[in-house]
Amino acid sequence: GKFSKSRGVGVFGDMAKDTGIPADIWRFYLLYLRPEGQDSAFSWSDLMLKNNSELLNNLGNFINRAGMFVCKFFGGTVPNMVLTLDDKRLLARVTLELRQYHQLLEKVRCVAETLGLAQG
């Protein structure tokens, strides 16, 4: 059914940890299902289906294709990467944006704590 913290419906942090399912699988699934303005429904069978079909199949296919590409065009060895000036500029810009993003998240966390809205 639909998650409801007040009714105790759903799988919460401590329960998810107790399943032994790796955190990255939970992260994938929750991001895959993230609500777009509505509640999300959870089922164990859907978690298994999305993990097997979306994550494992697609990731496995990507890795296989990347490996075949490296074998076909680079003799099975990934060549050393040489960054151009444009590459370095792009990386610097992305780094700056990520720092600003993290700073904003930290501000939100601090405001939430100040207002007593943060969850432990």
Protein backbone atom coordinates (compact mmCIF):
# COMPACT_ATOMS: atom_id res chain seq x y z
CA GLY A 1 0.00 0.00 0.00
CA LYS A 2 0.90 3.66 0.13
CA PHE A 3 3.61 4.69 2.55
CA SER A 4 2.28 6.36 5.67
CA LYS A 5 4.63 7.18 8.50
CA SER A 6 1.76 7.98 10.86
CA ARG A 7 0.06 4.61 10.20
CA GLY A 8 3.36 2.70 10.15
CA VAL A 9 2.87 1.55 6.56
CA GLY A 10 6.06 1.20 4.58
CA VAL A 11 9.65 0.19 4.94
CA PHE A 12 11.58 2.66 7.04
CA GLY A 13 15.32 3.09 7.63
CA ASP A 14 15.74 0.57 10.44
CA MET A 15 13.53 -1.98 8.69
CA ALA A 16 15.38 -1.53 5.39
CA LYS A 17 18.70 -2.04 7.16
CA ASP A 18 17.45 -5.23 8.81
CA THR A 19 16.60 -6.78 5.42
CA GLY A 20 20.28 -7.05 4.50
CA ILE A 21 19.52 -5.53 1.09
CA PRO A 22 22.45 -3.23 0.19
CA ALA A 23 21.78 0.48 0.59
CA ASP A 24 22.54 1.18 -3.08
CA ILE A 25 19.67 -1.09 -4.16
CA TRP A 26 17.31 0.81 -1.86
CA ARG A 27 18.63 4.12 -3.21
CA PHE A 28 18.07 2.99 -6.79
CA TYR A 29 14.56 1.78 -6.09
CA LEU A 30 13.46 4.84 -4.12
CA LEU A 31 14.84 7.20 -6.75
CA TYR A 32 13.21 5.13 -9.49
CA LEU A 33 9.85 5.37 -7.74
CA ARG A 34 10.14 8.91 -6.42
CA PRO A 35 6.74 10.55 -6.41
CA GLU A 36 5.95 13.29 -8.85
CA GLY A 37 3.47 15.10 -6.63
CA GLN A 38 1.67 12.03 -5.29
CA ASP A 39 2.19 9.20 -2.83
CA SER A 40 4.21 6.15 -3.83
CA ALA A 41 3.09 2.57 -3.39
CA PHE A 42 5.57 -0.09 -2.27
CA SER A 43 5.61 -3.83 -2.79
CA TRP A 44 8.37 -6.37 -2.26
CA SER A 45 7.64 -7.96 -5.63
CA ASP A 46 8.01 -4.59 -7.36
CA LEU A 47 11.33 -3.97 -5.57
CA MET A 48 12.56 -7.35 -6.83
CA LEU A 49 11.23 -6.74 -10.35
CA LYS A 50 12.78 -3.26 -10.66
CA ASN A 51 16.08 -4.48 -9.22
CA ASN A 52 16.27 -7.43 -11.60
CA SER A 53 14.85 -5.89 -14.76
CA GLU A 54 15.77 -2.23 -14.57
CA LEU A 55 18.96 -2.17 -12.52
CA LEU A 56 20.68 -5.50 -13.12
CA ASN A 57 19.66 -6.06 -16.74
CA ASN A 58 20.33 -2.50 -17.84
CA LEU A 59 23.55 -2.17 -15.86
CA GLY A 60 24.74 -5.58 -17.06
CA ASN A 61 23.93 -4.66 -20.65
CA PHE A 62 25.81 -1.37 -20.32
CA ILE A 63 28.89 -3.06 -18.84
CA ASN A 64 28.84 -5.74 -21.53
CA ARG A 65 28.56 -3.17 -24.32
CA ALA A 66 31.33 -1.03 -22.81
CA GLY A 67 33.59 -4.07 -22.53
CA MET A 68 32.89 -5.11 -26.12
CA PHE A 69 33.58 -1.54 -27.30
CA VAL A 70 36.93 -1.46 -25.48
CA CYS A 71 37.88 -4.86 -26.93
CA LYS A 72 36.84 -3.95 -30.47
CA PHE A 73 38.36 -0.47 -30.69
CA PHE A 74 41.14 -0.39 -28.09
CA GLY A 75 42.53 -3.92 -28.02
CA GLY A 76 40.97 -4.68 -24.63
CA THR A 77 42.79 -1.89 -22.80
CA VAL A 78 41.21 1.38 -21.74
CA PRO A 79 43.53 4.14 -22.95
CA ASN A 80 44.79 6.85 -20.61
CA MET A 81 42.53 9.86 -20.59
CA VAL A 82 44.02 13.16 -21.69
CA LEU A 83 41.97 16.17 -20.61
CA THR A 84 41.78 19.14 -22.91
CA LEU A 85 41.51 22.71 -21.65
CA ASP A 86 37.76 22.59 -22.34
CA ASP A 87 37.48 19.36 -20.30
CA LYS A 88 39.27 21.02 -17.38
CA ARG A 89 37.00 24.08 -17.60
CA LEU A 90 33.93 21.86 -17.57
CA LEU A 91 35.19 19.91 -14.55
CA ALA A 92 35.94 23.17 -12.71
CA ARG A 93 32.42 24.43 -13.47
CA VAL A 94 30.79 21.18 -12.32
CA THR A 95 32.90 21.24 -9.14
CA LEU A 96 31.79 24.82 -8.42
CA GLU A 97 28.12 23.95 -9.00
CA LEU A 98 28.37 20.91 -6.72
CA ARG A 99 29.97 22.98 -3.96
CA GLN A 100 27.19 25.55 -4.21
CA TYR A 101 24.57 22.78 -4.19
CA HIS A 102 26.09 21.24 -1.05
CA GLN A 103 26.22 24.65 0.64
CA LEU A 104 22.53 25.20 -0.08
CA LEU A 105 21.64 21.75 1.25
CA GLU A 106 23.59 22.51 4.41
CA LYS A 107 21.71 25.81 4.83
CA VAL A 108 18.38 23.98 4.50
CA ARG A 109 19.50 21.41 7.08
CA CYS A 110 20.55 24.14 9.50
CA VAL A 111 17.25 26.01 9.09
CA ALA A 112 15.31 22.75 9.57
CA GLU A 113 17.25 22.01 12.76
CA THR A 114 16.68 25.53 14.03
CA LEU A 115 12.95 25.19 13.43
CA GLY A 116 12.86 21.70 14.92
CA LEU A 117 11.92 20.13 11.60
CA ALA A 118 14.98 17.90 11.18
CA GLN A 119 14.50 14.17 11.63
CA GLY A 120 17.15 12.29 13.58
